[in-house]
Amino acid sequence: MFSPISRREALRIASHALDNNARGVRLICHGSKPPNCYIYNAPSEPCWYIYAPWGDGNDGAMLRGSRVIVIGKLTGTIHYDGSAGDEG
């Protein structure tokens, strides 16, 4: 029915989900689930996987997983916004 969500549109959606402190930071967008991304209950629709800063001022100051925002390529829905499970 609708045209798929482009990479540019997915990045725009993800940037709106970030705190004001994290906006303007370069985001890394993958067209499929990266091998080091371990999220549970992955959506059934194809998704963009966008790595973003946590925006809490502690990026690089502690050991924790990367933040990944998962956006549906068909719907533009944010299916997941949290840890990529890649810590350690």
N, C-alpha and C. Protein backbone atom coordinates (compact mmCIF):
# COMPACT_ATOMS: atom_id res chain seq x y z
N MET A 1 0.81 -1.19 0.00
CA MET A 1 0.00 0.00 0.00
C MET A 1 0.86 1.26 0.00
N PHE A 2 1.83 1.30 0.92
CA PHE A 2 2.70 2.46 1.03
C PHE A 2 4.09 2.08 0.54
N SER A 3 4.84 3.09 0.14
CA SER A 3 6.21 2.81 -0.28
C SER A 3 7.05 2.51 0.96
N PRO A 4 8.08 1.68 0.82
CA PRO A 4 8.93 1.33 1.97
C PRO A 4 9.63 2.57 2.54
N ILE A 5 10.00 2.46 3.80
CA ILE A 5 10.71 3.54 4.49
C ILE A 5 12.16 3.53 4.01
N SER A 6 12.62 4.65 3.50
CA SER A 6 14.00 4.75 3.02
C SER A 6 14.97 4.86 4.20
N ARG A 7 16.24 4.66 3.92
CA ARG A 7 17.28 4.82 4.94
C ARG A 7 17.23 6.24 5.51
N ARG A 8 17.10 7.22 4.66
CA ARG A 8 17.05 8.62 5.10
C ARG A 8 15.86 8.86 6.03
N GLU A 9 14.69 8.31 5.68
CA GLU A 9 13.50 8.47 6.51
C GLU A 9 13.67 7.75 7.85
N ALA A 10 14.28 6.57 7.83
CA ALA A 10 14.54 5.83 9.08
C ALA A 10 15.47 6.63 9.99
N LEU A 11 16.49 7.25 9.43
CA LEU A 11 17.40 8.08 10.23
C LEU A 11 16.67 9.28 10.81
N ARG A 12 15.74 9.85 10.07
CA ARG A 12 14.96 10.98 10.57
C ARG A 12 14.07 10.54 11.74
N ILE A 13 13.43 9.38 11.59
CA ILE A 13 12.58 8.85 12.67
C ILE A 13 13.42 8.59 13.91
N ALA A 14 14.59 7.99 13.74
CA ALA A 14 15.46 7.69 14.87
C ALA A 14 15.95 8.97 15.54
N SER A 15 16.30 9.99 14.75
CA SER A 15 16.81 11.22 15.35
C SER A 15 15.74 11.91 16.19
N HIS A 16 14.47 11.76 15.82
CA HIS A 16 13.39 12.34 16.62
C HIS A 16 13.19 11.58 17.93
N ALA A 17 13.64 10.34 17.98
CA ALA A 17 13.51 9.54 19.21
C ALA A 17 14.62 9.86 20.21
N LEU A 18 15.64 10.59 19.79
CA LEU A 18 16.78 10.90 20.66
C LEU A 18 16.48 12.11 21.53
N ASP A 19 17.15 12.18 22.68
CA ASP A 19 17.08 13.36 23.53
C ASP A 19 17.73 14.51 22.80
N ASN A 20 17.41 15.72 23.20
CA ASN A 20 18.01 16.90 22.57
C ASN A 20 19.53 16.88 22.66
N ASN A 21 20.09 16.31 23.74
CA ASN A 21 21.55 16.24 23.91
C ASN A 21 22.21 15.39 22.83
N ALA A 22 21.49 14.38 22.33
CA ALA A 22 22.08 13.44 21.38
C ALA A 22 21.79 13.80 19.93
N ARG A 23 20.92 14.75 19.69
CA ARG A 23 20.61 15.12 18.31
C ARG A 23 21.82 15.77 17.66
N GLY A 24 21.97 15.56 16.39
CA GLY A 24 23.10 16.10 15.66
C GLY A 24 24.29 15.16 15.65
N VAL A 25 24.22 14.06 16.41
CA VAL A 25 25.29 13.07 16.44
C VAL A 25 25.10 12.13 15.26
N ARG A 26 26.19 11.71 14.68
CA ARG A 26 26.13 10.80 13.54
C ARG A 26 25.58 9.45 13.96
N LEU A 27 24.57 8.96 13.24
CA LEU A 27 23.96 7.67 13.51
C LEU A 27 24.46 6.65 12.50
N ILE A 28 24.56 5.40 12.91
CA ILE A 28 25.02 4.33 12.02
C ILE A 28 23.82 3.45 11.71
N CYS A 29 23.50 3.34 10.42
CA CYS A 29 22.30 2.62 9.99
C CYS A 29 22.68 1.36 9.21
N HIS A 30 22.10 0.23 9.62
CA HIS A 30 22.30 -1.05 8.94
C HIS A 30 20.99 -1.48 8.29
N GLY A 31 21.07 -2.04 7.09
CA GLY A 31 19.90 -2.49 6.36
C GLY A 31 19.36 -3.83 6.83
N SER A 32 20.12 -4.53 7.65
CA SER A 32 19.67 -5.80 8.23
C SER A 32 20.33 -5.93 9.61
N LYS A 33 19.89 -6.91 10.37
CA LYS A 33 20.41 -7.07 11.73
C LYS A 33 21.89 -7.40 11.71
N PRO A 34 22.72 -6.56 12.34
CA PRO A 34 24.15 -6.83 12.41
C PRO A 34 24.43 -8.10 13.22
N PRO A 35 25.53 -8.78 12.93
CA PRO A 35 25.82 -10.03 13.63
C PRO A 35 26.05 -9.86 15.13
N ASN A 36 26.45 -8.68 15.59
CA ASN A 36 26.72 -8.48 17.02
C ASN A 36 25.52 -7.85 17.74
N CYS A 37 24.35 -7.90 17.15
CA CYS A 37 23.13 -7.34 17.74
C CYS A 37 22.27 -8.48 18.27
N TYR A 38 22.07 -8.52 19.59
CA TYR A 38 21.37 -9.62 20.23
C TYR A 38 20.12 -9.11 20.95
N ILE A 39 19.09 -8.78 20.18
CA ILE A 39 17.84 -8.36 20.80
C ILE A 39 16.85 -9.52 20.73
N TYR A 40 15.94 -9.55 21.69
CA TYR A 40 14.94 -10.60 21.75
C TYR A 40 13.64 -10.11 21.12
N ASN A 41 12.85 -11.05 20.65
CA ASN A 41 11.56 -10.74 20.03
C ASN A 41 11.72 -9.79 18.84
N ALA A 42 12.63 -10.13 17.96
CA ALA A 42 12.84 -9.31 16.77
C ALA A 42 11.55 -9.28 15.95
N PRO A 43 11.20 -8.13 15.39
CA PRO A 43 9.97 -8.01 14.62
C PRO A 43 10.01 -8.87 13.36
N SER A 44 8.84 -9.22 12.87
CA SER A 44 8.76 -10.07 11.68
C SER A 44 8.97 -9.28 10.40
N GLU A 45 8.71 -7.97 10.43
CA GLU A 45 8.93 -7.18 9.21
C GLU A 45 10.41 -6.84 9.06
N PRO A 46 10.89 -6.63 7.84
CA PRO A 46 12.28 -6.21 7.67
C PRO A 46 12.48 -4.85 8.34
N CYS A 47 13.67 -4.65 8.91
CA CYS A 47 13.91 -3.44 9.69
C CYS A 47 15.26 -2.81 9.39
N TRP A 48 15.32 -1.53 9.72
CA TRP A 48 16.57 -0.79 9.78
C TRP A 48 17.06 -0.88 11.22
N TYR A 49 18.35 -1.08 11.40
CA TYR A 49 18.98 -1.15 12.72
C TYR A 49 19.91 0.05 12.83
N ILE A 50 19.56 0.99 13.69
CA ILE A 50 20.28 2.25 13.79
C ILE A 50 20.96 2.34 15.15
N TYR A 51 22.27 2.44 15.14
CA TYR A 51 23.05 2.59 16.36
C TYR A 51 23.13 4.08 16.69
N ALA A 52 22.81 4.39 17.95
CA ALA A 52 22.72 5.78 18.39
C ALA A 52 23.32 5.92 19.79
N PRO A 53 23.70 7.13 20.18
CA PRO A 53 24.20 7.34 21.55
C PRO A 53 23.04 7.24 22.54
N TRP A 54 23.38 6.90 23.77
CA TRP A 54 22.36 6.82 24.82
C TRP A 54 21.86 8.21 25.19
N GLY A 55 22.71 9.21 25.09
CA GLY A 55 22.30 10.58 25.36
C GLY A 55 22.14 10.91 26.83
N ASP A 56 22.72 10.10 27.70
CA ASP A 56 22.60 10.36 29.14
C ASP A 56 23.89 10.93 29.74
N GLY A 57 24.85 11.25 28.87
CA GLY A 57 26.10 11.81 29.36
C GLY A 57 27.12 10.77 29.78
N ASN A 58 26.77 9.50 29.73
CA ASN A 58 27.68 8.45 30.17
C ASN A 58 28.27 7.63 29.01
N ASP A 59 28.03 8.05 27.78
CA ASP A 59 28.60 7.31 26.65
C ASP A 59 30.11 7.30 26.76
N GLY A 60 30.69 6.11 26.73
CA GLY A 60 32.13 5.97 26.84
C GLY A 60 32.65 5.96 28.27
N ALA A 61 31.77 6.24 29.24
CA ALA A 61 32.21 6.30 30.63
C ALA A 61 31.94 5.01 31.40
N MET A 62 31.20 4.09 30.79
CA MET A 62 30.88 2.84 31.48
C MET A 62 30.76 1.71 30.47
N LEU A 63 30.88 0.50 30.98
CA LEU A 63 30.75 -0.67 30.13
C LEU A 63 29.27 -1.03 30.04
N ARG A 64 28.72 -0.96 28.84
CA ARG A 64 27.33 -1.32 28.61
C ARG A 64 27.14 -1.56 27.12
N GLY A 65 26.00 -2.11 26.78
CA GLY A 65 25.70 -2.38 25.38
C GLY A 65 25.45 -1.11 24.60
N SER A 66 25.62 -1.21 23.31
CA SER A 66 25.30 -0.09 22.42
C SER A 66 23.80 0.10 22.37
N ARG A 67 23.37 1.29 22.06
CA ARG A 67 21.94 1.56 21.88
C ARG A 67 21.59 1.32 20.43
N VAL A 68 20.53 0.56 20.21
CA VAL A 68 20.06 0.31 18.85
C VAL A 68 18.57 0.66 18.79
N ILE A 69 18.20 1.34 17.72
CA ILE A 69 16.80 1.67 17.45
C ILE A 69 16.41 0.88 16.21
N VAL A 70 15.38 0.04 16.34
CA VAL A 70 14.95 -0.83 15.25
C VAL A 70 13.67 -0.25 14.66
N ILE A 71 13.73 0.09 13.38
CA ILE A 71 12.60 0.74 12.70
C ILE A 71 12.15 -0.12 11.53
N GLY A 72 10.85 -0.39 11.47
CA GLY A 72 10.29 -1.21 10.41
C GLY A 72 10.42 -0.54 9.05
N LYS A 73 10.87 -1.30 8.07
CA LYS A 73 11.04 -0.78 6.71
C LYS A 73 9.70 -0.59 6.00
N LEU A 74 8.67 -1.28 6.45
CA LEU A 74 7.36 -1.17 5.81
C LEU A 74 6.45 -0.18 6.50
N THR A 75 6.54 -0.09 7.82
CA THR A 75 5.61 0.73 8.59
C THR A 75 6.23 2.00 9.17
N GLY A 76 7.56 2.02 9.35
CA GLY A 76 8.21 3.16 10.00
C GLY A 76 8.05 3.14 11.50
N THR A 77 7.54 2.04 12.04
CA THR A 77 7.33 1.90 13.48
C THR A 77 8.65 1.62 14.19
N ILE A 78 8.85 2.27 15.33
CA ILE A 78 10.00 1.95 16.17
C ILE A 78 9.61 0.71 16.96
N HIS A 79 10.19 -0.42 16.60
CA HIS A 79 9.88 -1.68 17.26
C HIS A 79 10.70 -1.89 18.52
N TYR A 80 11.87 -1.27 18.59
CA TYR A 80 12.76 -1.49 19.72
C TYR A 80 13.68 -0.30 19.85
N ASP A 81 13.94 0.11 21.08
CA ASP A 81 14.91 1.17 21.37
C ASP A 81 15.56 0.80 22.69
N GLY A 82 16.75 0.22 22.60
CA GLY A 82 17.42 -0.22 23.81
C GLY A 82 18.77 -0.83 23.53
N SER A 83 19.21 -1.68 24.44
CA SER A 83 20.53 -2.29 24.35
C SER A 83 20.61 -3.29 23.19
N ALA A 84 21.74 -3.24 22.48
CA ALA A 84 22.00 -4.20 21.41
C ALA A 84 22.50 -5.54 21.96
N GLY A 85 22.75 -5.58 23.27
CA GLY A 85 23.23 -6.81 23.88
C GLY A 85 24.65 -7.17 23.50
N ASP A 86 25.44 -6.16 23.13
CA ASP A 86 26.81 -6.40 22.67
C ASP A 86 27.86 -5.98 23.67
N GLU A 87 27.48 -5.80 24.93
CA GLU A 87 28.46 -5.36 25.93
C GLU A 87 29.49 -6.44 26.19
N GLY A 88 30.63 -5.99 26.64
CA GLY A 88 31.69 -6.92 27.00
C GLY A 88 32.57 -7.16 25.92
